[in-house]
Protein backbone atom coordinates (compact mmCIF):
# COMPACT_ATOMS: atom_id res chain seq x y z
CA MET A 1 113.95 98.17 -1.49
CA VAL A 2 116.80 95.74 -2.14
CA ILE A 3 118.26 95.61 -5.66
CA PHE A 4 120.61 92.78 -6.59
CA ILE A 5 123.29 94.05 -8.96
CA ASN A 6 125.71 91.36 -10.15
CA ASP A 7 124.10 89.26 -7.38
CA LYS A 8 125.16 91.81 -4.72
CA PRO A 9 122.53 93.66 -2.63
CA VAL A 10 122.10 97.42 -2.88
CA THR A 11 119.58 98.50 -0.21
CA ILE A 12 117.76 101.83 0.06
CA ILE A 13 116.78 102.85 3.59
CA GLY A 14 115.54 106.00 5.35
CA GLN A 15 117.25 107.96 8.13
CA LYS A 16 115.15 106.31 10.84
CA LYS A 17 116.24 102.80 9.90
CA PHE A 18 119.86 103.91 9.64
CA LYS A 19 119.84 104.74 13.36
CA ASN A 20 119.38 101.03 14.07
CA LEU A 21 122.57 100.04 12.23
CA HIS A 22 125.71 99.21 14.19
CA GLY A 23 129.34 99.68 13.29
CA SER A 24 129.68 95.94 12.84
CA ASP A 25 127.07 96.05 10.05
CA TYR A 26 129.49 97.68 7.59
CA ASP A 27 133.17 98.08 6.74
CA THR A 28 133.18 101.46 4.99
CA LEU A 29 131.24 104.66 5.67
CA ILE A 30 130.93 107.19 2.83
CA ASP A 31 129.29 110.64 2.82
CA ALA A 32 127.83 111.28 -0.64
CA ARG A 33 128.21 115.05 -0.15
CA LEU A 34 131.98 114.72 0.26
CA ASP A 35 133.05 111.64 -1.69
CA LYS A 36 133.20 111.29 -5.47
CA PHE A 37 132.73 107.51 -5.26
CA ASN A 38 136.32 106.48 -5.84
CA GLU A 39 136.25 102.79 -6.63
CA ARG A 40 139.23 102.18 -4.34
CA VAL A 41 137.05 102.75 -1.25
CA PHE A 42 134.22 100.46 -2.41
CA ILE A 43 135.37 97.45 -0.42
CA GLY A 44 133.28 95.08 1.70
CA HIS A 45 129.97 96.20 3.21
CA ILE A 46 129.41 99.91 2.55
CA VAL A 47 127.03 102.53 3.95
CA ILE A 48 126.58 105.76 2.00
CA LEU A 49 125.05 108.73 3.84
CA ASN A 50 123.19 111.77 2.47
CA VAL A 51 122.30 110.17 -0.85
CA ASP A 52 120.29 112.46 -3.16
CA ASN A 53 119.23 112.14 -6.80
CA SER A 54 122.53 113.48 -8.09
CA SER A 55 124.60 111.01 -6.08
CA LEU A 56 122.22 108.20 -7.04
CA GLU A 57 122.93 108.92 -10.70
CA ARG A 58 126.70 109.00 -10.07
CA LEU A 59 126.61 105.75 -8.11
CA PHE A 60 124.50 103.85 -10.61
CA LYS A 61 126.58 105.16 -13.51
CA GLY A 62 129.57 103.54 -11.82
CA LEU A 63 127.60 100.35 -11.25
CA PHE A 64 126.50 100.30 -14.91
CA GLU A 65 130.14 100.63 -15.95
CA ASP A 66 131.17 97.90 -13.47
CA LYS A 67 133.66 100.19 -11.73
CA PHE A 68 132.91 98.90 -8.24
CA LYS A 69 134.02 95.26 -8.21
CA ASP A 70 135.05 94.68 -4.60
CA PHE A 71 131.96 95.59 -2.61
CA GLN A 72 129.83 92.92 -0.95
CA SER A 73 126.82 95.10 -0.20
CA ILE A 74 125.83 98.77 -0.36
CA THR A 75 123.31 100.50 1.91
CA LEU A 76 122.07 103.89 0.69
CA VAL A 77 120.70 106.23 3.37
CA VAL A 78 118.21 108.70 1.88
CA GLU A 79 115.89 111.39 3.18
CA ASP A 80 112.85 110.25 1.16
CA ARG A 81 112.94 106.54 0.36
CA ASP A 82 109.95 106.59 -2.00
CA LEU A 83 111.47 109.35 -4.14
CA ALA A 84 114.85 107.61 -4.17
CA GLU A 85 113.30 104.32 -5.27
CA GLU A 86 111.42 106.04 -8.10
CA LYS A 87 114.65 107.72 -9.21
CA VAL A 88 116.46 104.37 -9.35
CA LYS A 89 113.61 102.78 -11.30
CA SER A 90 113.77 105.63 -13.83
CA LEU A 91 117.33 104.60 -14.70
CA TYR A 92 116.20 101.19 -15.98
CA LYS A 93 113.66 99.53 -18.18
CA ILE A 94 111.34 97.67 -15.79
CA VAL A 95 110.45 94.03 -16.50
CA LYS A 96 107.81 92.38 -14.28
CA ALA A 97 107.78 88.73 -13.24
CA ALA A 98 106.40 86.42 -10.55
CA GLY A 99 107.19 83.06 -9.05
CA GLY A 100 106.50 80.63 -6.27
CA ILE A 101 107.84 78.79 -3.24
CA VAL A 102 105.95 75.52 -3.64
CA PHE A 103 105.30 73.13 -0.73
CA ASN A 104 104.10 69.54 -0.98
CA ALA A 105 102.06 67.60 1.58
CA ASP A 106 105.26 66.58 3.40
CA GLY A 107 106.36 70.20 3.82
CA LYS A 108 109.16 69.90 1.27
CA ILE A 109 109.98 72.74 -1.11
CA LEU A 110 110.34 72.40 -4.88
CA MET A 111 113.69 73.63 -6.19
CA ILE A 112 114.59 73.82 -9.87
CA HIS A 113 118.08 73.47 -11.37
CA ARG A 114 118.66 76.00 -14.13
CA LEU A 115 121.92 77.04 -15.81
CA GLY A 116 124.04 75.34 -13.18
CA LYS A 117 122.34 76.80 -10.10
CA TRP A 118 119.44 75.92 -7.83
CA ASP A 119 116.58 78.35 -8.24
CA LEU A 120 112.84 78.79 -7.73
CA PRO A 121 110.29 78.63 -10.57
CA LYS A 122 109.36 82.05 -11.94
CA GLY A 123 108.76 83.89 -15.20
CA LYS A 124 107.80 87.12 -16.92
CA ARG A 125 104.32 88.55 -16.72
CA ASP A 126 102.21 88.52 -19.88
CA PHE A 127 100.67 91.81 -21.00
CA GLY A 128 97.67 92.69 -18.83
CA GLU A 129 98.20 89.71 -16.54
CA LYS A 130 98.04 90.02 -12.75
CA SER A 131 101.14 88.95 -10.82
CA LYS A 132 99.25 86.22 -8.94
CA LEU A 133 98.17 84.62 -12.22
CA THR A 134 101.70 84.95 -13.60
CA ALA A 135 103.13 83.17 -10.58
CA VAL A 136 100.74 80.22 -10.87
CA ARG A 137 101.07 79.95 -14.65
CA GLU A 138 104.86 80.07 -14.64
CA VAL A 139 105.23 77.53 -11.83
CA GLU A 140 102.82 75.13 -13.50
CA GLU A 141 104.48 75.56 -16.91
CA GLU A 142 108.07 75.23 -15.70
CA CYS A 143 107.39 72.20 -13.48
CA ASN A 144 104.30 70.58 -15.06
CA ILE A 145 102.45 70.48 -11.73
CA SER A 146 99.23 71.95 -10.36
CA VAL A 147 99.33 74.41 -7.47
CA ARG A 148 97.08 76.41 -5.17
CA LEU A 149 98.12 80.02 -4.57
CA GLY A 150 98.94 81.20 -1.05
CA GLU A 151 100.11 84.47 0.47
CA LYS A 152 102.71 86.82 -0.94
CA VAL A 153 106.17 86.44 0.56
CA CYS A 154 108.18 89.36 -0.83
CA THR A 155 109.32 91.24 -3.93
CA THR A 156 112.84 91.03 -5.33
CA TRP A 157 114.60 93.32 -7.80
CA HIS A 158 117.64 92.38 -9.84
CA THR A 159 119.45 93.90 -12.79
CA TYR A 160 120.87 92.60 -16.05
CA THR A 161 121.74 93.91 -19.50
CA GLN A 162 119.86 92.90 -22.64
CA GLY A 163 120.37 94.32 -26.11
CA GLY A 164 122.50 97.11 -24.68
CA ARG A 165 119.75 98.20 -22.26
CA ASN A 166 119.90 98.12 -18.47
CA ILE A 167 116.99 96.03 -17.18
CA LEU A 168 115.53 96.05 -13.66
CA LYS A 169 113.44 92.94 -13.11
CA ARG A 170 110.76 92.98 -10.42
CA THR A 171 109.67 89.55 -9.21
CA LYS A 172 106.78 89.00 -6.80
CA TRP A 173 107.02 85.76 -4.82
CA TYR A 174 104.12 83.73 -3.41
CA LYS A 175 103.76 80.67 -1.22
CA MET A 176 101.97 77.81 -2.98
CA ASP A 177 100.73 74.32 -2.21
CA CYS A 178 101.19 71.57 -4.78
CA THR A 179 97.91 69.81 -5.57
CA ASP A 180 99.24 67.38 -8.21
CA ASP A 181 102.81 66.48 -9.12
CA SER A 182 102.09 63.14 -10.77
CA LYS A 183 103.38 64.39 -14.13
CA MET A 184 106.12 66.66 -12.79
CA LYS A 185 108.97 67.28 -15.23
CA PRO A 186 111.33 70.19 -15.99
CA GLN A 187 110.59 72.61 -18.83
CA LEU A 188 113.72 71.96 -20.87
CA ASP A 189 113.24 74.86 -23.26
CA GLU A 190 113.52 77.18 -20.23
CA ASP A 191 116.95 75.71 -19.45
CA ILE A 192 115.64 73.72 -16.47
CA ASP A 193 117.36 70.34 -16.28
CA ASP A 194 116.20 69.04 -12.88
CA LEU A 195 113.44 69.40 -10.28
CA LYS A 196 113.67 68.21 -6.70
CA TRP A 197 111.51 68.23 -3.59
CA MET A 198 113.86 69.24 -0.77
CA ASP A 199 113.59 69.17 2.99
CA GLU A 200 114.97 72.02 5.11
CA LYS A 201 118.48 70.59 5.27
CA GLU A 202 118.61 69.99 1.52
CA VAL A 203 117.32 73.52 0.80
CA ARG A 204 120.05 75.04 2.97
CA LYS A 205 122.67 73.06 1.08
CA SER A 206 121.21 74.00 -2.32
CA LEU A 207 121.32 77.69 -1.42
CA LEU A 208 125.12 77.47 -1.34
CA ASN A 209 124.87 77.08 -5.12
CA SER A 210 122.13 79.62 -5.78
CA TYR A 211 121.66 83.39 -6.04
CA SER A 212 121.69 86.06 -3.34
CA SER A 213 118.20 87.11 -4.41
CA ILE A 214 116.90 83.55 -3.85
CA ARG A 215 118.53 83.42 -0.42
CA TYR A 216 116.77 86.73 0.28
CA VAL A 217 113.42 85.13 -0.63
CA PHE A 218 114.03 82.36 1.90
CA ASP A 219 115.06 84.93 4.53
CA CYS A 220 111.73 86.69 3.98
CA LEU A 221 109.86 83.36 4.08
CA ASN A 222 111.44 82.43 7.42
CA ASN A 223 111.43 85.94 8.90
CA PRO A 224 108.32 87.78 7.64
CA SER A 225 109.15 90.85 9.73
CA SER A 226 112.31 91.37 7.65
CA THR A 227 110.34 91.88 4.44
CA ASP A 228 110.90 95.38 3.06
């Protein structure tokens, strides 16, 4: 599970996966049993060992309060990943969404420009709706195109605050093929001001002005074995 907090990845892994990390993968090593999470040591890429429910609460309290400003990524090493993920989810209100990586007949990918950044079309799930239907509906609504659903690529999680509540948004991403873009136009009331079919080089350039979570989606698309 990778959670993007202020567009920075916080990854939960088990002990077995930790053994495959190398010293060059991180800048700071913290033992949750010994350290009280002093913000002065949260610099660069961080690995935290022996993370239990108590230390998860302490860490996320600090993240909620924006105490840790200088980290680039955090990797949490836990004994039981499933239990740790459920504990993290319990700290937030969960909002579910879905979106698509849309290809045309030339193999180009449809990127949307929203709020000053390049993004992928996505949106919140309606009550009782399946994620696959959400993904198709939102892509077609935001871009005014028709698509055919393909395979799932990955799931992303990112946080934000709304009405004083901490929100954890789960987005499921699917590959799609465009079947009709003859009337393609951006959904302006969703703050989308441009749509563009991009080749591989253009996508790479657009990702320089995008979000870490969107770059993660493309990593999963290009390297399926990396999907968590």
